Amino acid sequence: MYKILVADAISSEGLAPLLGHDTIQVVQKKVSEVDDLATYDALLVRSATKVTDELLSQMTNVKIVARAGVGVDNIDIDAATKRGVIVINAPNGNTISTAEHTFAMMASLVRHIPQANISVKSREWNRSSFVGTELYKKQLGIIGFGRIGSEIAKRAKAFGMGVHVFDPFLTAARAEKLGVNAVELEQLLAVADIITVHTPLTKETKGILNADTLSKTKKGVYLLNCARGGIIDEEALIPFLQSGHVKGVALDVFEVEPPVSQPLLEFEQVIATPHLGASTKEAQLNVAEDVAQEVLNYLNGNPVSSSINLPTLSKDVFEKIHPFSSLTKKMGSLLSQCMKEPVQDITVTYGGTVADLETTYITRGFLSGFLQHRVDRSVNEVNASMITKERGITFGERFSNETEGYSNVIKVEVRGDHSSFTLTGTYVQDYGPRIVNIQSFNIDFYPDGHLLYIRHSDKPGVIGRVGKILGDHDVNIATMQVGRKQKGGEAIMMLSFDKSLDEAIVQRLQAFDDIVSVRKINL
């Protein structure tokens, strides 16, 4: 008999896959109302219940935690993983709901439907005040092309709109397959009549529509944000609304929710909803049914497809694999930040003692680190391979007798649309993970914290000039490693700092003639 605790409100219809089984007992109670937490095999929650390390320590028999929704901010993933507890969510349940809401907001925005509704209900009949704009033949710019962005593109094409997409990691082949025009951000800003954002909120995407980028948009542009508050710089938007450069804005999300003191709400040309993207009966039912079916699959000994952490491993196997998985995750994150272009193929080569381990999970560690900067959902060792395939990226493993003088070595080669990138790492007992080669340059550094990767000409004074620029900005260098292939040729340096550098410093370094490229990396 399996016991399942449903700690948040989920309808019987949503729990249907779990009901009616002789071997499954479903109990719907709040955690605070349960005395025998240690007897439950599974826990189902929405967003109200906080699944903390303390709670998991009391649920000593729990094997799986299911979140009936997309976000898992209320679940301590690390604590669950350490305890061998699988965590699953419903990543696709609200895709259609959010896409439809975005399109409804778009139509409402260009046809002034909310304003006209208020006017008519006020017993007015001012038809001439609400002359709108057709969507037909308008150019739609989509920033971020994950699940939701691609669904919006389908609907836009049905309305006869041109679709232009900015996603640094959208391959040309996938763009052609989906019938969209893949462009750089500045091209999108220049051509789009309507712009909608659908990226995760990261350091790179926060304020992607800001004073600078908004100034490059067409006069009379419409903007939508039904993704995450903060992707559009709300304060920077105000003068563009005041001048009429931005003709209208539709917001379902805000940086601070509820937006009780948000000045944007004072503008008549701004329409807003209270974070309703996933708020449909169908979406709520879908996410509940999805996780209920996943829990049933797991209890029946079948694989689950939406796990976001490691599956249960024996303690011995986990302890052997974990250092290498952590290393490859760092390598993936570092490489993804260095190589900002669409990727077609990834090859991971193992040599030495690491080749004798279960390398599948170690490879997935790399994929999860690599993808975390490129997709709009939670990604880790379990779902990384599935998401990689969804993005049209092929990946594989190789094994080599060459260890380059180390007891273990992991080399990764990533091929993109225009270039390739290689990275080699090793795990040294008592010293931890090390990166020992970048793009055939020998180097040795600890992959962690705030880094700066610089490619430059091997000339006297270059390193000193970099140090002076950093000193002028009162920036202290924690460590510096350099590498070169031959005297006077190209060289690299990797610097680490106590905090992330301002973009202004990066741009000043990039302007230096003898510097080929500068990449800011946060691990």
Protein backbone atom coordinates (compact mmCIF):
# COMPACT_ATOMS: atom_id res chain seq x y z
CA MET A 1 0.00 0.00 0.00
CA TYR A 2 1.35 3.42 -1.01
CA LYS A 3 0.25 6.50 0.92
CA ILE A 4 0.13 9.85 -0.89
CA LEU A 5 -0.29 13.16 0.92
CA VAL A 6 -1.96 15.95 -1.10
CA ALA A 7 -1.06 19.00 0.98
CA ASP A 8 -2.60 21.75 -1.20
CA ALA A 9 -5.97 22.14 -2.90
CA ILE A 10 -6.19 19.82 -5.92
CA SER A 11 -9.53 18.67 -7.30
CA SER A 12 -10.56 15.02 -7.46
CA GLU A 13 -10.67 15.40 -11.22
CA GLY A 14 -7.00 16.41 -11.21
CA LEU A 15 -6.11 13.49 -8.93
CA ALA A 16 -8.10 11.00 -11.05
CA PRO A 17 -5.05 8.97 -12.19
CA LEU A 18 -4.28 8.13 -8.54
CA LEU A 19 -7.80 7.35 -7.38
CA GLY A 20 -9.51 3.95 -7.44
CA HIS A 21 -6.37 1.83 -6.96
CA ASP A 22 -6.39 -0.85 -4.25
CA THR A 23 -2.70 -0.26 -3.56
CA ILE A 24 -2.84 3.54 -3.28
CA GLN A 25 -4.28 5.62 -0.45
CA VAL A 26 -4.70 9.35 -1.15
CA VAL A 27 -5.01 11.69 1.85
CA GLN A 28 -5.85 15.39 1.37
CA LYS A 29 -4.66 17.37 4.40
CA LYS A 30 -2.39 20.28 5.17
CA VAL A 31 1.02 19.26 6.46
CA SER A 32 0.26 20.88 9.81
CA GLU A 33 -2.76 18.57 10.23
CA VAL A 34 -0.79 15.33 9.75
CA ASP A 35 0.72 13.47 12.70
CA ASP A 36 2.27 10.54 10.83
CA LEU A 37 4.34 12.26 8.11
CA ALA A 38 6.89 9.45 8.14
CA THR A 39 4.33 6.99 6.71
CA TYR A 40 3.84 8.75 3.35
CA ASP A 41 5.50 7.62 0.14
CA ALA A 42 4.65 10.66 -1.99
CA LEU A 43 3.80 14.34 -1.51
CA LEU A 44 1.74 16.48 -3.91
CA VAL A 45 1.75 20.28 -3.54
CA ARG A 46 0.96 23.46 -5.40
CA SER A 47 2.68 26.70 -4.29
CA ALA A 48 1.32 27.07 -0.74
CA THR A 49 3.22 24.24 0.97
CA LYS A 50 6.94 24.88 1.50
CA VAL A 51 8.87 21.65 1.04
CA THR A 52 11.89 22.39 3.20
CA ASP A 53 14.76 20.26 4.41
CA GLU A 54 13.04 20.17 7.82
CA LEU A 55 9.81 18.84 6.31
CA LEU A 56 11.68 16.22 4.29
CA SER A 57 13.53 15.12 7.43
CA GLN A 58 10.14 14.27 8.95
CA MET A 59 8.92 12.47 5.83
CA THR A 60 11.54 9.75 6.07
CA ASN A 61 9.67 7.37 3.76
CA VAL A 62 8.82 9.85 1.00
CA LYS A 63 10.21 8.91 -2.41
CA ILE A 64 8.75 11.55 -4.71
CA VAL A 65 7.53 15.15 -4.40
CA ALA A 66 5.25 16.49 -7.13
CA ARG A 67 4.53 20.16 -7.81
CA ALA A 68 1.26 20.70 -9.70
CA GLY A 69 2.66 23.64 -11.65
CA VAL A 70 5.78 24.86 -13.40
CA GLY A 71 7.77 26.67 -10.71
CA VAL A 72 9.49 24.77 -7.90
CA ASP A 73 10.65 27.74 -5.82
CA ASN A 74 8.80 26.32 -2.81
CA ILE A 75 10.77 23.05 -2.90
CA ASP A 76 14.32 22.61 -1.61
CA ILE A 77 15.67 20.69 -4.60
CA ASP A 78 19.13 20.12 -3.10
CA ALA A 79 17.70 18.73 0.13
CA ALA A 80 15.44 16.39 -1.84
CA THR A 81 18.29 15.20 -4.06
CA LYS A 82 20.55 14.49 -1.09
CA ARG A 83 17.78 12.38 0.43
CA GLY A 84 17.21 10.48 -2.81
CA VAL A 85 13.79 12.06 -3.30
CA ILE A 86 12.70 12.71 -6.88
CA VAL A 87 11.06 16.09 -7.53
CA ILE A 88 8.75 16.46 -10.51
CA ASN A 89 6.68 19.31 -11.93
CA ALA A 90 4.35 19.96 -14.87
CA PRO A 91 6.44 22.02 -17.31
CA ASN A 92 3.97 21.92 -20.20
CA GLY A 93 0.61 22.26 -18.48
CA ASN A 94 0.33 26.05 -18.82
CA THR A 95 1.96 26.53 -22.22
CA ILE A 96 -1.27 26.94 -24.20
CA SER A 97 -2.89 28.97 -21.42
CA THR A 98 -0.04 31.52 -21.37
CA ALA A 99 0.22 31.67 -25.16
CA GLU A 100 -3.52 32.31 -25.49
CA HIS A 101 -3.47 34.94 -22.76
CA THR A 102 -0.61 36.73 -24.49
CA PHE A 103 -2.48 36.75 -27.78
CA ALA A 104 -5.66 37.95 -26.07
CA MET A 105 -3.66 40.78 -24.50
CA MET A 106 -2.17 41.61 -27.89
CA ALA A 107 -5.57 41.87 -29.58
CA SER A 108 -7.00 43.84 -26.66
CA LEU A 109 -4.06 46.23 -26.75
CA VAL A 110 -4.19 47.16 -30.43
CA ARG A 111 -8.02 47.39 -30.48
CA HIS A 112 -8.38 49.29 -27.15
CA ILE A 113 -10.89 46.72 -25.90
CA PRO A 114 -10.47 47.30 -22.12
CA GLN A 115 -10.73 51.09 -22.53
CA ALA A 116 -13.76 50.79 -24.81
CA ASN A 117 -15.42 48.42 -22.36
CA ILE A 118 -15.01 50.91 -19.50
CA SER A 119 -16.36 53.71 -21.70
CA VAL A 120 -19.50 51.83 -22.73
CA LYS A 121 -20.18 50.74 -19.15
CA SER A 122 -19.93 54.40 -18.18
CA ARG A 123 -22.87 54.97 -20.59
CA GLU A 124 -20.67 56.60 -23.24
CA TRP A 125 -20.60 55.90 -26.98
CA ASN A 126 -17.30 57.34 -28.27
CA ARG A 127 -16.54 55.13 -31.25
CA SER A 128 -14.06 57.58 -32.73
CA SER A 129 -11.94 57.47 -29.55
CA PHE A 130 -11.14 53.78 -29.96
CA VAL A 131 -9.98 53.39 -33.54
CA GLY A 132 -7.62 50.43 -33.42
CA THR A 133 -4.96 48.67 -35.47
CA GLU A 134 -5.20 45.34 -37.30
CA LEU A 135 -2.81 42.50 -36.54
CA TYR A 136 -2.90 41.39 -40.18
CA LYS A 137 0.44 42.05 -41.95
CA LYS A 138 1.97 43.54 -38.80
CA GLN A 139 5.48 42.47 -37.83
CA LEU A 140 5.64 40.61 -34.50
CA GLY A 141 8.92 40.45 -32.59
CA ILE A 142 9.27 37.56 -30.13
CA ILE A 143 12.15 37.78 -27.64
CA GLY A 144 12.76 34.25 -26.35
CA PHE A 145 11.63 31.23 -28.36
CA GLY A 146 10.91 28.40 -25.96
CA ARG A 147 7.65 26.48 -25.65
CA ILE A 148 5.42 29.53 -25.20
CA GLY A 149 7.18 31.70 -27.76
CA SER A 150 6.81 29.02 -30.43
CA GLU A 151 3.08 28.63 -29.68
CA ILE A 152 2.60 32.39 -30.07
CA ALA A 153 4.43 32.25 -33.41
CA LYS A 154 1.94 29.64 -34.68
CA ARG A 155 -1.00 31.88 -33.78
CA ALA A 156 0.62 34.98 -35.21
CA LYS A 157 1.18 33.26 -38.56
CA ALA A 158 -2.49 32.22 -38.61
CA PHE A 159 -3.36 35.93 -38.26
CA GLY A 160 -1.16 36.77 -41.24
CA MET A 161 1.59 38.40 -39.21
CA GLY A 162 5.30 38.35 -39.98
CA VAL A 163 7.26 36.72 -37.15
CA HIS A 164 10.78 37.79 -36.18
CA VAL A 165 12.54 35.98 -33.32
CA PHE A 166 15.50 36.94 -31.18
CA ASP A 167 16.87 33.98 -29.27
CA PRO A 168 20.68 33.70 -29.16
CA PHE A 169 20.39 29.93 -29.09
CA LEU A 170 17.84 29.39 -31.85
CA THR A 171 19.49 27.39 -34.63
CA ALA A 172 18.90 28.32 -38.26
CA ALA A 173 17.49 24.84 -38.93
CA ARG A 174 14.86 25.11 -36.17
CA ALA A 175 13.90 28.64 -37.24
CA GLU A 176 13.39 27.44 -40.83
CA LYS A 177 11.37 24.44 -39.65
CA LEU A 178 9.03 26.67 -37.64
CA GLY A 179 8.78 29.29 -40.36
CA VAL A 180 10.13 32.25 -38.42
CA ASN A 181 12.82 34.81 -39.17
CA ALA A 182 15.74 34.48 -36.71
CA VAL A 183 17.34 37.90 -36.19
CA GLU A 184 19.63 39.79 -33.83
CA LEU A 185 17.99 41.91 -31.13
CA GLU A 186 18.69 45.23 -32.87
CA GLN A 187 17.13 43.94 -36.09
CA LEU A 188 14.03 42.85 -34.20
CA LEU A 189 13.74 46.23 -32.48
CA ALA A 190 13.98 48.04 -35.79
CA VAL A 191 11.38 46.00 -37.68
CA ALA A 192 8.74 44.96 -35.11
CA ASP A 193 5.38 46.71 -34.81
CA ILE A 194 4.62 44.61 -31.72
CA ILE A 195 7.16 43.07 -29.33
CA THR A 196 6.41 40.33 -26.80
CA VAL A 197 8.94 38.86 -24.35
CA HIS A 198 9.09 35.18 -23.38
CA THR A 199 12.48 34.58 -21.77
CA PRO A 200 13.29 33.39 -18.27
CA LEU A 201 14.33 36.20 -15.91
CA THR A 202 18.13 36.00 -15.67
CA LYS A 203 20.99 38.46 -15.29
CA GLU A 204 21.20 38.56 -19.09
CA THR A 205 17.47 39.14 -19.70
CA LYS A 206 16.64 41.44 -16.79
CA GLY A 207 15.79 44.81 -18.34
CA ILE A 208 16.49 43.58 -21.86
CA LEU A 209 13.98 46.23 -22.96
CA ASN A 210 15.55 49.29 -21.33
CA ALA A 211 16.16 52.95 -22.14
CA ASP A 212 18.79 52.06 -24.73
CA THR A 213 16.94 49.24 -26.50
CA LEU A 214 13.56 51.00 -26.35
CA SER A 215 15.09 53.99 -28.17
CA LYS A 216 15.89 51.64 -31.08
CA THR A 217 12.29 50.47 -31.54
CA LYS A 218 9.90 51.80 -34.16
CA LYS A 219 7.86 54.83 -33.16
CA GLY A 220 4.39 53.62 -32.22
CA VAL A 221 5.51 50.17 -31.12
CA TYR A 222 3.34 48.00 -28.83
CA LEU A 223 4.96 45.97 -26.01
CA LEU A 224 3.76 42.91 -24.07
CA ASN A 225 5.12 41.08 -21.02
CA CYS A 226 3.29 37.94 -19.95
CA ALA A 227 6.49 36.15 -18.91
CA ARG A 228 8.38 37.51 -15.89
CA GLY A 229 8.33 40.90 -14.21
CA GLY A 230 11.60 42.74 -14.78
CA ILE A 231 12.31 41.67 -18.37
CA ILE A 232 11.01 45.11 -19.36
CA ASP A 233 12.57 47.95 -17.35
CA GLU A 234 9.35 49.45 -15.97
CA GLU A 235 10.89 52.76 -14.90
CA ALA A 236 12.65 53.25 -18.25
CA LEU A 237 9.34 52.67 -20.05
CA ILE A 238 7.64 55.75 -18.59
CA PRO A 239 9.23 58.50 -20.76
CA PHE A 240 8.59 56.44 -23.91
CA LEU A 241 4.90 56.25 -23.03
CA GLN A 242 4.82 59.95 -22.24
CA SER A 243 6.35 60.85 -25.60
CA GLY A 244 4.14 58.44 -27.54
CA HIS A 245 7.12 56.51 -28.89
CA VAL A 246 5.58 53.43 -27.25
CA LYS A 247 1.93 53.42 -28.28
CA GLY A 248 0.69 50.82 -25.83
CA VAL A 249 1.79 48.24 -23.26
CA ALA A 250 0.13 45.07 -21.99
CA LEU A 251 1.42 43.64 -18.71
CA ASP A 252 0.43 40.44 -16.93
CA VAL A 253 3.49 40.48 -14.66
CA PHE A 254 5.37 43.11 -12.68
CA GLU A 255 8.66 43.39 -10.84
CA VAL A 256 6.69 43.86 -7.59
CA GLU A 257 3.35 42.08 -7.27
CA PRO A 258 0.77 43.27 -6.54
CA PRO A 259 1.82 46.54 -8.26
CA VAL A 260 0.03 48.84 -5.81
CA SER A 261 2.37 51.80 -6.35
CA GLN A 262 3.23 51.17 -10.00
CA PRO A 263 3.08 54.49 -11.96
CA LEU A 264 2.60 52.64 -15.27
CA LEU A 265 -0.98 51.89 -14.23
CA GLU A 266 -1.79 55.59 -14.47
CA PHE A 267 -1.36 55.53 -18.26
CA GLU A 268 -4.53 54.97 -20.27
CA GLN A 269 -2.54 53.16 -22.98
CA VAL A 270 -1.36 50.53 -20.48
CA ILE A 271 -3.57 47.49 -19.90
CA ALA A 272 -2.86 44.99 -17.14
CA THR A 273 -4.02 41.70 -15.65
CA PRO A 274 -3.10 40.14 -12.28
CA HIS A 275 -0.66 37.41 -13.41
CA LEU A 276 -3.30 35.34 -15.20
CA GLY A 277 -1.10 33.58 -17.75
CA ALA A 278 -1.64 30.13 -16.24
CA SER A 279 -5.03 30.85 -14.70
CA THR A 280 -7.41 28.72 -16.72
CA LYS A 281 -9.44 25.75 -15.56
CA GLU A 282 -7.78 23.66 -18.23
CA ALA A 283 -4.25 24.64 -17.21
CA GLN A 284 -4.91 23.99 -13.54
CA LEU A 285 -6.46 20.62 -14.39
CA ASN A 286 -3.67 19.75 -16.84
CA VAL A 287 -0.85 20.34 -14.36
CA ALA A 288 -2.66 18.32 -11.67
CA GLU A 289 -3.34 15.41 -14.01
CA ASP A 290 0.21 15.53 -15.36
CA VAL A 291 1.88 15.17 -11.96
CA ALA A 292 -0.69 12.65 -10.71
CA GLN A 293 0.07 10.44 -13.71
CA GLU A 294 3.81 10.90 -13.17
CA VAL A 295 3.51 9.83 -9.53
CA LEU A 296 1.50 6.78 -10.62
CA ASN A 297 4.17 5.93 -13.20
CA TYR A 298 6.87 6.12 -10.55
CA LEU A 299 5.00 4.00 -8.01
CA ASN A 300 4.41 1.39 -10.72
CA GLY A 301 8.14 1.23 -11.38
CA ASN A 302 7.98 3.10 -14.70
CA PRO A 303 10.22 6.05 -15.67
CA VAL A 304 9.08 9.63 -15.18
CA SER A 305 9.65 12.27 -17.85
CA SER A 306 9.43 15.53 -15.89
CA SER A 307 11.82 14.97 -13.00
CA ILE A 308 14.00 18.01 -12.30
CA ASN A 309 16.61 16.39 -10.09
CA LEU A 310 18.69 13.24 -9.96
CA PRO A 311 16.90 9.91 -9.74
CA THR A 312 17.62 7.81 -6.68
CA LEU A 313 21.21 6.55 -6.63
CA SER A 314 22.97 4.40 -4.08
CA LYS A 315 25.06 6.40 -1.65
CA ASP A 316 28.31 4.88 -2.92
CA VAL A 317 27.55 5.59 -6.58
CA PHE A 318 26.37 9.13 -5.83
CA GLU A 319 29.52 9.94 -3.86
CA LYS A 320 31.75 8.75 -6.73
CA ILE A 321 29.81 10.56 -9.44
CA HIS A 322 29.00 13.80 -7.66
CA PRO A 323 32.45 15.53 -7.92
CA PHE A 324 32.57 14.92 -11.68
CA SER A 325 28.94 15.90 -12.22
CA SER A 326 29.62 19.15 -10.34
CA LEU A 327 32.71 19.73 -12.51
CA THR A 328 30.86 19.19 -15.79
CA LYS A 329 27.99 21.41 -14.68
CA LYS A 330 30.51 24.22 -14.12
CA MET A 331 32.10 23.44 -17.49
CA GLY A 332 28.73 23.59 -19.20
CA SER A 333 27.82 26.92 -17.64
CA LEU A 334 31.25 28.39 -18.45
CA LEU A 335 31.20 27.20 -22.06
CA SER A 336 27.65 28.41 -22.64
CA GLN A 337 28.58 31.90 -21.46
CA CYS A 338 31.72 31.93 -23.64
CA MET A 339 30.03 30.65 -26.81
CA LYS A 340 26.95 32.75 -27.34
CA GLU A 341 25.58 31.28 -30.55
CA PRO A 342 23.25 28.46 -31.60
CA VAL A 343 24.68 24.99 -31.02
CA GLN A 344 24.29 21.88 -33.17
CA ASP A 345 26.42 19.19 -31.54
CA ILE A 346 28.07 18.36 -28.20
CA THR A 347 30.68 15.63 -27.64
CA VAL A 348 31.99 14.71 -24.18
CA THR A 349 35.17 12.61 -24.06
CA TYR A 350 36.26 10.76 -20.92
CA GLY A 351 39.75 9.53 -20.07
CA GLY A 352 41.35 7.93 -17.02
CA THR A 353 39.50 6.80 -13.91
CA VAL A 354 36.35 8.79 -14.67
CA ALA A 355 35.73 6.61 -17.74
CA ASP A 356 35.01 3.68 -15.41
CA LEU A 357 32.07 5.46 -13.74
CA GLU A 358 28.44 5.83 -14.83
CA THR A 359 29.22 8.67 -17.22
CA THR A 360 25.61 9.19 -18.37
CA TYR A 361 24.84 11.29 -15.31
CA ILE A 362 28.12 13.17 -15.61
CA THR A 363 27.30 14.10 -19.21
CA ARG A 364 23.88 15.24 -18.11
CA GLY A 365 25.63 17.44 -15.55
CA PHE A 366 27.35 19.23 -18.44
CA LEU A 367 24.11 19.53 -20.40
CA SER A 368 22.25 21.00 -17.42
CA GLY A 369 24.95 23.61 -16.82
CA PHE A 370 25.08 24.44 -20.52
CA LEU A 371 21.31 24.74 -20.95
CA GLN A 372 20.52 26.76 -17.82
CA HIS A 373 21.43 29.97 -19.68
CA ARG A 374 19.46 29.00 -22.78
CA VAL A 375 16.01 27.68 -21.85
CA ASP A 376 12.94 29.00 -20.07
CA ARG A 377 12.46 26.23 -17.51
CA SER A 378 14.20 24.40 -14.70
CA VAL A 379 16.90 22.10 -16.01
CA ASN A 380 19.27 19.65 -14.34
CA GLU A 381 20.80 16.19 -14.77
CA VAL A 382 17.52 14.36 -15.23
CA ASN A 383 15.65 16.44 -17.80
CA ALA A 384 18.73 17.91 -19.51
CA SER A 385 19.00 15.24 -22.21
CA MET A 386 15.30 15.54 -23.10
CA ILE A 387 15.52 19.34 -23.38
CA THR A 388 18.74 19.08 -25.41
CA LYS A 389 16.97 16.87 -27.95
CA GLU A 390 13.97 19.22 -28.01
CA ARG A 391 16.32 22.07 -28.97
CA GLY A 392 17.62 20.06 -31.92
CA ILE A 393 21.08 19.52 -30.42
CA THR A 394 22.80 16.16 -30.83
CA PHE A 395 25.11 14.93 -28.09
CA GLY A 396 27.24 11.89 -27.42
CA GLU A 397 30.06 10.37 -25.37
CA ARG A 398 33.51 9.12 -26.34
CA PHE A 399 36.22 7.34 -24.37
CA SER A 400 39.95 7.84 -24.81
CA ASN A 401 43.19 6.39 -23.44
CA GLU A 402 44.74 9.86 -23.53
CA THR A 403 44.71 11.51 -20.08
CA GLU A 404 47.11 14.41 -20.76
CA GLY A 405 49.04 13.55 -17.61
CA TYR A 406 46.03 13.60 -15.25
CA SER A 407 44.45 10.66 -13.44
CA ASN A 408 41.12 11.68 -14.97
CA VAL A 409 40.19 14.09 -17.74
CA ILE A 410 36.94 15.30 -19.31
CA LYS A 411 37.07 17.10 -22.64
CA VAL A 412 34.03 18.75 -24.22
CA GLU A 413 33.71 19.95 -27.80
CA VAL A 414 30.69 22.02 -28.81
CA ARG A 415 29.99 22.86 -32.45
CA GLY A 416 27.78 25.78 -33.36
CA ASP A 417 26.43 27.36 -36.52
CA HIS A 418 29.60 29.40 -37.01
CA SER A 419 32.34 28.09 -34.72
CA SER A 420 33.35 25.43 -32.21
CA PHE A 421 34.63 25.54 -28.63
CA THR A 422 36.67 23.04 -26.60
CA LEU A 423 37.13 22.86 -22.86
CA THR A 424 39.02 20.36 -20.71
CA GLY A 425 38.65 19.76 -16.99
CA THR A 426 39.84 17.41 -14.29
CA TYR A 427 38.99 16.66 -10.68
CA VAL A 428 42.01 16.60 -8.36
CA GLN A 429 41.65 15.02 -4.93
CA ASP A 430 42.12 17.64 -2.16
CA TYR A 431 42.11 20.46 -4.76
CA GLY A 432 38.71 20.01 -6.36
CA PRO A 433 37.61 20.79 -9.94
CA ARG A 434 40.07 22.45 -12.32
CA ILE A 435 39.86 23.75 -15.89
CA VAL A 436 43.14 22.85 -17.59
CA ASN A 437 42.60 23.77 -21.23
CA ILE A 438 40.46 26.26 -23.17
CA GLN A 439 40.47 26.25 -26.97
CA SER A 440 43.84 24.41 -26.96
CA PHE A 441 45.38 26.96 -24.57
CA ASN A 442 46.86 25.29 -21.48
CA ILE A 443 45.66 27.00 -18.31
CA ASP A 444 44.80 26.01 -14.74
CA PHE A 445 42.03 27.65 -12.70
CA TYR A 446 39.19 26.88 -10.29
CA PRO A 447 35.82 27.25 -12.08
CA ASP A 448 33.76 29.24 -9.60
CA GLY A 449 32.57 32.75 -8.79
CA HIS A 450 32.88 35.87 -10.94
CA LEU A 451 35.25 35.41 -13.86
CA LEU A 452 36.45 37.31 -16.91
CA TYR A 453 37.69 35.41 -19.99
CA ILE A 454 39.83 37.57 -22.30
CA ARG A 455 41.33 36.63 -25.67
CA HIS A 456 44.13 39.00 -26.63
CA SER A 457 47.34 39.50 -28.59
CA ASP A 458 50.48 38.26 -26.85
CA LYS A 459 52.19 41.67 -26.69
CA PRO A 460 54.07 43.47 -23.92
CA GLY A 461 51.84 45.73 -21.85
CA VAL A 462 48.47 44.08 -22.55
CA ILE A 463 48.19 42.49 -19.11
CA GLY A 464 49.36 45.73 -17.51
CA ARG A 465 46.77 47.72 -19.46
CA VAL A 466 44.00 45.36 -18.30
CA GLY A 467 45.20 45.75 -14.71
CA LYS A 468 45.21 49.55 -15.03
CA ILE A 469 41.68 49.67 -16.42
CA LEU A 470 40.46 47.49 -13.55
CA GLY A 471 42.42 49.58 -11.06
CA ASP A 472 40.90 52.78 -12.45
CA HIS A 473 37.49 51.32 -11.57
CA ASP A 474 38.67 50.27 -8.09
CA VAL A 475 38.34 46.58 -8.99
CA ASN A 476 40.61 44.12 -7.19
CA ILE A 477 41.78 41.00 -9.07
CA ALA A 478 41.50 37.89 -6.90
CA THR A 479 43.38 35.54 -9.25
CA MET A 480 44.79 35.62 -12.77
CA GLN A 481 45.79 32.75 -15.06
CA VAL A 482 47.26 33.20 -18.55
CA GLY A 483 47.97 30.91 -21.47
CA ARG A 484 49.48 31.11 -24.95
CA LYS A 485 50.42 28.74 -27.76
CA GLN A 486 53.37 30.68 -29.18
CA LYS A 487 55.23 33.90 -28.52
CA GLY A 488 53.59 36.90 -30.13
CA GLY A 489 50.45 35.02 -31.16
CA GLU A 490 47.03 34.89 -29.57
CA ALA A 491 46.80 34.44 -25.81
CA ILE A 492 44.12 34.17 -23.16
CA MET A 493 43.71 35.23 -19.57
CA MET A 494 41.16 34.18 -16.97
CA LEU A 495 40.64 36.55 -14.06
CA SER A 496 38.49 36.09 -10.96
CA PHE A 497 36.91 38.78 -8.77
CA ASP A 498 35.04 39.07 -5.51
CA LYS A 499 31.97 40.45 -7.30
CA SER A 500 30.55 40.66 -10.79
CA LEU A 501 31.97 43.42 -13.00
CA ASP A 502 29.87 46.30 -14.30
CA GLU A 503 29.15 46.25 -18.03
CA ALA A 504 30.90 49.61 -18.43
CA ILE A 505 34.21 48.00 -17.40
CA VAL A 506 33.70 45.11 -19.81
CA GLN A 507 32.98 47.53 -22.66
CA ARG A 508 36.09 49.58 -21.87
CA LEU A 509 38.23 46.44 -21.95
CA GLN A 510 36.62 45.35 -25.20
CA ALA A 511 37.51 48.70 -26.78
CA PHE A 512 41.24 48.05 -26.24
CA ASP A 513 42.80 47.34 -29.67
CA ASP A 514 44.87 44.32 -28.64
CA ILE A 515 41.90 42.55 -27.00
CA VAL A 516 39.99 40.19 -29.33
CA SER A 517 37.03 39.44 -27.03
CA VAL A 518 35.88 39.74 -23.44
CA ARG A 519 33.37 37.40 -21.79
CA LYS A 520 31.96 38.00 -18.31
CA ILE A 521 31.21 34.68 -16.61
CA ASN A 522 29.27 34.00 -13.42
CA LEU A 523 29.45 30.47 -11.98
